[in-house]
Amino acid sequence: MKKIEAILRPERLQETIKALDEIGVTGFTVTQVVGRGIQKDSMGVYRGQNYKVSLHPKVKLKIILSDYMVQKTVQAIIKAAQTGEGGDGKIFVSALEEAYNIRTGLVDDSIDELNQKEEN
């Protein structure tokens, strides 16, 4: 199993969800985050006062899936989220040793079982 964490522009989230759905990835978690990378600082105005925005709003997608789905999923995210400008985001892929089902308390192999059924 692998964990994909993708940080992207909030305005590209719906398009990314649609792309994931098209390849059969339906389970994920979305959180709102702020961060800083290559994207330049910008200026904002609040009640007539200028201020510098150095942390930019982003969304973070967490997806747990089988190894064989990783490249397909990464490519779908890139295609949907890419604007070609600085600040498009990053994708991180890491190994995941185990997952547990809270309801049953057992090791959760359902991700691999579902993917194996799709192969057959």
Protein backbone atom coordinates (compact mmCIF):
# COMPACT_ATOMS: atom_id res chain seq x y z
CA MET A 1 0.00 0.00 0.00
CA LYS A 2 1.04 3.58 -0.62
CA LYS A 3 -0.02 6.96 0.73
CA ILE A 4 -0.25 9.87 -1.68
CA GLU A 5 -0.36 13.38 -0.26
CA ALA A 6 -1.05 16.09 -2.80
CA ILE A 7 -1.02 19.79 -1.97
CA LEU A 8 -2.78 21.87 -4.59
CA ARG A 9 -4.65 25.07 -5.34
CA PRO A 10 -8.16 25.14 -3.82
CA GLU A 11 -9.68 26.20 -7.15
CA ARG A 12 -8.36 23.00 -8.78
CA LEU A 13 -9.92 20.65 -6.19
CA GLN A 14 -13.20 19.86 -7.97
CA GLU A 15 -11.42 19.12 -11.25
CA THR A 16 -8.99 16.86 -9.39
CA ILE A 17 -11.80 14.98 -7.63
CA LYS A 18 -13.48 14.45 -11.01
CA ALA A 19 -10.22 13.07 -12.49
CA LEU A 20 -9.77 10.71 -9.53
CA ASP A 21 -13.34 9.48 -9.86
CA GLU A 22 -12.78 8.75 -13.56
CA ILE A 23 -9.92 6.34 -12.73
CA GLY A 24 -11.83 4.69 -9.88
CA VAL A 25 -10.21 6.41 -6.89
CA THR A 26 -13.15 7.32 -4.67
CA GLY A 27 -11.67 7.28 -1.16
CA PHE A 28 -9.61 10.22 0.05
CA THR A 29 -9.40 12.90 2.72
CA VAL A 30 -9.29 16.64 2.01
CA THR A 31 -7.99 19.24 4.46
CA GLN A 32 -7.51 22.97 4.11
CA VAL A 33 -3.93 24.04 4.73
CA VAL A 34 -1.71 27.08 4.29
CA GLY A 35 1.86 26.99 3.16
CA ARG A 36 4.72 28.51 1.33
CA GLY A 37 6.85 27.34 -1.56
CA ILE A 38 7.92 28.85 -4.85
CA GLN A 39 4.78 31.00 -5.07
CA LYS A 40 5.64 34.64 -4.43
CA ASP A 41 4.27 36.73 -1.58
CA SER A 42 1.30 38.91 -2.46
CA MET A 43 -0.25 42.00 -0.97
CA GLY A 44 -3.72 42.11 0.52
CA VAL A 45 -5.93 44.91 1.76
CA TYR A 46 -8.06 44.63 4.88
CA ARG A 47 -10.06 47.63 6.11
CA GLY A 48 -7.89 49.98 4.13
CA GLN A 49 -4.61 48.56 5.44
CA ASN A 50 -2.10 46.79 3.22
CA TYR A 51 -0.61 43.54 4.47
CA LYS A 52 1.76 40.93 3.09
CA VAL A 53 0.43 37.42 2.42
CA SER A 54 3.30 34.97 2.76
CA LEU A 55 1.28 31.82 3.52
CA HIS A 56 -1.07 30.78 0.73
CA PRO A 57 -4.28 28.77 1.10
CA LYS A 58 -4.04 25.25 -0.34
CA VAL A 59 -5.87 21.95 -0.02
CA LYS A 60 -4.24 18.66 0.90
CA LEU A 61 -5.51 15.37 -0.50
CA LYS A 62 -4.57 12.12 1.27
CA ILE A 63 -5.15 8.93 -0.67
CA ILE A 64 -4.34 5.36 0.40
CA LEU A 65 -4.17 2.84 -2.42
CA SER A 66 -2.47 -0.22 -3.86
CA ASP A 67 1.00 0.12 -5.35
CA TYR A 68 -0.13 -0.54 -8.90
CA MET A 69 -2.52 2.47 -8.83
CA VAL A 70 0.12 5.02 -7.78
CA GLN A 71 1.38 6.22 -11.18
CA LYS A 72 -2.11 6.35 -12.68
CA THR A 73 -3.31 8.41 -9.71
CA VAL A 74 -0.31 10.76 -9.72
CA GLN A 75 -0.77 11.43 -13.44
CA ALA A 76 -4.50 12.12 -12.97
CA ILE A 77 -3.74 14.63 -10.19
CA ILE A 78 -1.06 16.38 -12.25
CA LYS A 79 -3.30 16.62 -15.31
CA ALA A 80 -6.24 18.03 -13.31
CA ALA A 81 -4.36 20.35 -10.93
CA GLN A 82 -1.65 21.79 -13.17
CA THR A 83 -1.97 25.42 -14.28
CA GLY A 84 1.66 25.90 -15.34
CA GLU A 85 2.23 28.68 -12.82
CA GLY A 86 4.28 28.73 -9.63
CA GLY A 87 2.29 27.50 -6.65
CA ASP A 88 0.56 24.57 -8.38
CA GLY A 89 1.61 22.31 -5.51
CA LYS A 90 3.46 19.07 -4.76
CA ILE A 91 2.73 15.36 -4.65
CA PHE A 92 4.38 13.08 -2.08
CA VAL A 93 4.25 9.28 -2.23
CA SER A 94 5.25 7.13 0.74
CA ALA A 95 5.04 3.48 1.71
CA LEU A 96 2.32 2.48 4.15
CA GLU A 97 2.92 -0.65 6.20
CA GLU A 98 -0.54 -1.33 7.64
CA ALA A 99 -4.03 0.06 7.89
CA TYR A 100 -6.61 -0.95 10.49
CA ASN A 101 -10.37 -0.90 10.27
CA ILE A 102 -11.65 0.90 13.37
CA ARG A 103 -15.02 -0.87 13.34
CA THR A 104 -13.54 -4.38 13.33
CA GLY A 105 -10.08 -3.70 14.79
CA LEU A 106 -8.58 -5.91 12.09
CA VAL A 107 -5.90 -5.18 9.51
CA ASP A 108 -7.72 -3.49 6.64
CA ASP A 109 -6.92 -5.36 3.43
CA SER A 110 -10.07 -4.08 1.74
CA ILE A 111 -8.08 -1.67 -0.43
CA ASP A 112 -6.13 -4.52 -2.01
CA GLU A 113 -9.20 -6.78 -2.18
CA LEU A 114 -11.22 -4.16 -4.05
CA ASN A 115 -8.40 -3.50 -6.49
CA GLN A 116 -7.88 -7.24 -7.13
CA LYS A 117 -11.59 -7.63 -7.96
CA GLU A 118 -11.26 -4.82 -10.52
CA GLU A 119 -8.31 -6.63 -12.20
CA ASN A 120 -10.31 -9.84 -12.73
